[in-house]
Amino acid sequence: MKKFIAIFEAAYPEIEATQYSCITWEQEDDAVDNNYVSDLIKNTTARHFFRAYAGANANIEADNITVSIGKIEPLN
């Protein structure tokens, strides 16, 4: 398995906060699929981040989260 790290920004409509963070994951090959990484961010860390601002009962839709990936590198 190969490990990678991505630096990203995430935004959500009507929430003034922006998430600046990084995420790590493992995969079998060297080719990184940016769509996969973006979906991974939206459905994990970003949803929790924006729910913290909007309230525990807020309906944060992953499809409404905008992710901008700054850099992806192998993680040693």
N, C-alpha and C. Protein backbone atom coordinates (compact mmCIF):
# COMPACT_ATOMS: atom_id res chain seq x y z
N MET A 1 0.84 -1.18 0.00
CA MET A 1 0.00 0.00 0.00
C MET A 1 0.88 1.25 0.00
N LYS A 2 0.43 2.24 -0.71
CA LYS A 2 1.13 3.53 -0.77
C LYS A 2 0.32 4.56 0.01
N LYS A 3 1.03 5.39 0.76
CA LYS A 3 0.39 6.45 1.54
C LYS A 3 0.59 7.79 0.85
N PHE A 4 -0.46 8.62 0.92
CA PHE A 4 -0.41 9.95 0.33
C PHE A 4 -0.95 10.98 1.31
N ILE A 5 -0.58 12.23 1.10
CA ILE A 5 -1.10 13.34 1.88
C ILE A 5 -1.53 14.44 0.90
N ALA A 6 -2.66 15.06 1.19
CA ALA A 6 -3.16 16.16 0.36
C ALA A 6 -3.42 17.37 1.25
N ILE A 7 -3.00 18.53 0.78
CA ILE A 7 -3.31 19.80 1.43
C ILE A 7 -4.49 20.39 0.69
N PHE A 8 -5.50 20.87 1.44
CA PHE A 8 -6.70 21.34 0.76
C PHE A 8 -7.38 22.48 1.51
N GLU A 9 -8.31 23.12 0.80
CA GLU A 9 -9.23 24.10 1.36
C GLU A 9 -10.64 23.61 1.04
N ALA A 10 -11.54 23.78 1.99
CA ALA A 10 -12.94 23.40 1.76
C ALA A 10 -13.83 24.57 2.18
N ALA A 11 -14.90 24.77 1.41
CA ALA A 11 -15.85 25.84 1.69
C ALA A 11 -17.27 25.30 1.54
N TYR A 12 -18.20 25.96 2.24
CA TYR A 12 -19.60 25.57 2.18
C TYR A 12 -20.45 26.83 2.06
N PRO A 13 -21.45 26.82 1.17
CA PRO A 13 -22.29 28.02 1.02
C PRO A 13 -22.93 28.43 2.34
N GLU A 14 -22.98 29.72 2.58
CA GLU A 14 -23.63 30.32 3.75
C GLU A 14 -22.90 30.07 5.07
N ILE A 15 -21.73 29.42 5.03
CA ILE A 15 -20.89 29.29 6.22
C ILE A 15 -19.62 30.06 5.93
N GLU A 16 -19.33 31.05 6.75
CA GLU A 16 -18.20 31.94 6.47
C GLU A 16 -16.84 31.34 6.77
N ALA A 17 -16.80 30.24 7.47
CA ALA A 17 -15.53 29.59 7.79
C ALA A 17 -15.02 28.81 6.59
N THR A 18 -13.70 28.74 6.46
CA THR A 18 -13.04 27.92 5.45
C THR A 18 -12.14 26.93 6.16
N GLN A 19 -12.20 25.69 5.73
CA GLN A 19 -11.34 24.67 6.32
C GLN A 19 -10.04 24.61 5.54
N TYR A 20 -8.93 24.82 6.24
CA TYR A 20 -7.59 24.66 5.67
C TYR A 20 -6.98 23.47 6.41
N SER A 21 -6.72 22.40 5.69
CA SER A 21 -6.28 21.20 6.39
C SER A 21 -5.53 20.27 5.45
N CYS A 22 -5.27 19.06 5.94
CA CYS A 22 -4.67 18.02 5.13
C CYS A 22 -5.35 16.70 5.48
N ILE A 23 -5.21 15.74 4.58
CA ILE A 23 -5.79 14.42 4.78
C ILE A 23 -4.80 13.40 4.26
N THR A 24 -4.77 12.24 4.90
CA THR A 24 -3.91 11.15 4.44
C THR A 24 -4.79 9.95 4.10
N TRP A 25 -4.30 9.11 3.20
CA TRP A 25 -5.01 7.88 2.83
C TRP A 25 -4.01 6.92 2.22
N GLU A 26 -4.44 5.68 2.07
CA GLU A 26 -3.63 4.64 1.45
C GLU A 26 -4.35 4.11 0.21
N GLN A 27 -3.56 3.73 -0.78
CA GLN A 27 -4.11 3.11 -1.98
C GLN A 27 -3.08 2.18 -2.57
N GLU A 28 -3.53 1.34 -3.50
CA GLU A 28 -2.65 0.32 -4.09
C GLU A 28 -1.62 0.88 -5.06
N ASP A 29 -2.02 1.79 -5.95
CA ASP A 29 -1.08 2.23 -6.99
C ASP A 29 -0.64 3.68 -6.81
N ASP A 30 0.23 4.12 -7.73
CA ASP A 30 0.80 5.47 -7.65
C ASP A 30 -0.09 6.55 -8.24
N ALA A 31 -1.03 6.18 -9.09
CA ALA A 31 -1.89 7.16 -9.76
C ALA A 31 -2.98 7.66 -8.81
N VAL A 32 -2.97 8.96 -8.54
CA VAL A 32 -3.94 9.55 -7.62
C VAL A 32 -5.11 10.10 -8.42
N ASP A 33 -6.32 9.72 -8.02
CA ASP A 33 -7.55 10.20 -8.63
C ASP A 33 -8.04 11.39 -7.82
N ASN A 34 -7.93 12.60 -8.36
CA ASN A 34 -8.33 13.82 -7.64
C ASN A 34 -9.81 13.80 -7.27
N ASN A 35 -10.65 13.21 -8.11
CA ASN A 35 -12.07 13.12 -7.78
C ASN A 35 -12.30 12.26 -6.54
N TYR A 36 -11.57 11.15 -6.45
CA TYR A 36 -11.66 10.29 -5.27
C TYR A 36 -11.24 11.05 -4.01
N VAL A 37 -10.12 11.77 -4.10
CA VAL A 37 -9.61 12.51 -2.94
C VAL A 37 -10.60 13.61 -2.54
N SER A 38 -11.15 14.31 -3.50
CA SER A 38 -12.13 15.36 -3.22
C SER A 38 -13.36 14.77 -2.53
N ASP A 39 -13.86 13.64 -3.03
CA ASP A 39 -15.01 12.98 -2.39
C ASP A 39 -14.67 12.49 -0.99
N LEU A 40 -13.48 11.99 -0.81
CA LEU A 40 -13.04 11.55 0.51
C LEU A 40 -13.06 12.71 1.50
N ILE A 41 -12.54 13.85 1.09
CA ILE A 41 -12.52 15.05 1.93
C ILE A 41 -13.94 15.49 2.25
N LYS A 42 -14.79 15.59 1.23
CA LYS A 42 -16.17 16.05 1.42
C LYS A 42 -16.94 15.17 2.40
N ASN A 43 -16.77 13.86 2.28
CA ASN A 43 -17.57 12.93 3.05
C ASN A 43 -16.99 12.58 4.42
N THR A 44 -15.84 13.09 4.73
CA THR A 44 -15.26 12.82 6.04
C THR A 44 -15.01 14.12 6.78
N THR A 45 -13.83 14.61 6.71
CA THR A 45 -13.41 15.75 7.52
C THR A 45 -14.21 17.03 7.26
N ALA A 46 -14.52 17.35 6.01
CA ALA A 46 -15.20 18.61 5.72
C ALA A 46 -16.63 18.62 6.25
N ARG A 47 -17.35 17.52 6.12
CA ARG A 47 -18.73 17.47 6.66
C ARG A 47 -18.73 17.72 8.16
N HIS A 48 -17.80 17.12 8.87
CA HIS A 48 -17.72 17.31 10.32
C HIS A 48 -17.32 18.75 10.66
N PHE A 49 -16.39 19.29 9.89
CA PHE A 49 -15.94 20.66 10.13
C PHE A 49 -17.10 21.64 10.00
N PHE A 50 -17.86 21.56 8.92
CA PHE A 50 -18.95 22.50 8.70
C PHE A 50 -20.14 22.24 9.63
N ARG A 51 -20.34 21.01 10.02
CA ARG A 51 -21.39 20.71 11.00
C ARG A 51 -21.06 21.35 12.35
N ALA A 52 -19.78 21.46 12.67
CA ALA A 52 -19.38 22.11 13.92
C ALA A 52 -19.79 23.58 13.92
N TYR A 53 -19.76 24.22 12.77
CA TYR A 53 -20.17 25.63 12.67
C TYR A 53 -21.68 25.79 12.58
N ALA A 54 -22.34 24.88 11.91
CA ALA A 54 -23.77 25.02 11.66
C ALA A 54 -24.63 24.40 12.76
N GLY A 55 -24.06 23.53 13.56
CA GLY A 55 -24.81 22.87 14.62
C GLY A 55 -24.90 21.37 14.35
N ALA A 56 -24.99 20.60 15.41
CA ALA A 56 -24.97 19.14 15.30
C ALA A 56 -26.11 18.58 14.46
N ASN A 57 -27.22 19.27 14.41
CA ASN A 57 -28.38 18.78 13.66
C ASN A 57 -28.45 19.34 12.23
N ALA A 58 -27.46 20.11 11.83
CA ALA A 58 -27.47 20.72 10.50
C ALA A 58 -27.32 19.64 9.43
N ASN A 59 -28.00 19.85 8.32
CA ASN A 59 -27.90 18.94 7.19
C ASN A 59 -26.85 19.48 6.23
N ILE A 60 -25.63 19.03 6.40
CA ILE A 60 -24.52 19.45 5.53
C ILE A 60 -24.44 18.47 4.37
N GLU A 61 -24.77 18.94 3.18
CA GLU A 61 -24.75 18.11 1.98
C GLU A 61 -23.34 18.09 1.39
N ALA A 62 -22.78 16.90 1.23
CA ALA A 62 -21.43 16.77 0.68
C ALA A 62 -21.33 17.37 -0.71
N ASP A 63 -22.41 17.29 -1.50
CA ASP A 63 -22.39 17.83 -2.86
C ASP A 63 -22.24 19.35 -2.89
N ASN A 64 -22.56 20.02 -1.79
CA ASN A 64 -22.45 21.48 -1.73
C ASN A 64 -21.10 21.96 -1.22
N ILE A 65 -20.26 21.05 -0.79
CA ILE A 65 -18.93 21.41 -0.30
C ILE A 65 -18.00 21.59 -1.50
N THR A 66 -17.29 22.70 -1.52
CA THR A 66 -16.31 22.96 -2.57
C THR A 66 -14.92 22.66 -2.02
N VAL A 67 -14.18 21.82 -2.71
CA VAL A 67 -12.83 21.43 -2.28
C VAL A 67 -11.82 21.88 -3.32
N SER A 68 -10.77 22.54 -2.85
CA SER A 68 -9.66 22.92 -3.69
C SER A 68 -8.40 22.24 -3.15
N ILE A 69 -7.86 21.32 -3.92
CA ILE A 69 -6.68 20.57 -3.50
C ILE A 69 -5.45 21.35 -3.94
N GLY A 70 -4.63 21.71 -2.98
CA GLY A 70 -3.42 22.48 -3.28
C GLY A 70 -2.26 21.62 -3.72
N LYS A 71 -2.08 20.48 -3.07
CA LYS A 71 -0.90 19.67 -3.33
C LYS A 71 -1.15 18.25 -2.84
N ILE A 72 -0.69 17.28 -3.60
CA ILE A 72 -0.73 15.88 -3.20
C ILE A 72 0.68 15.32 -3.33
N GLU A 73 1.13 14.65 -2.27
CA GLU A 73 2.47 14.06 -2.28
C GLU A 73 2.45 12.69 -1.63
N PRO A 74 3.41 11.84 -2.00
CA PRO A 74 3.57 10.58 -1.26
C PRO A 74 3.96 10.88 0.18
N LEU A 75 3.50 10.07 1.09
CA LEU A 75 3.82 10.22 2.51
C LEU A 75 4.72 9.08 2.91
N ASN A 76 5.90 9.42 3.34
CA ASN A 76 6.87 8.40 3.74
C ASN A 76 6.82 8.13 5.21
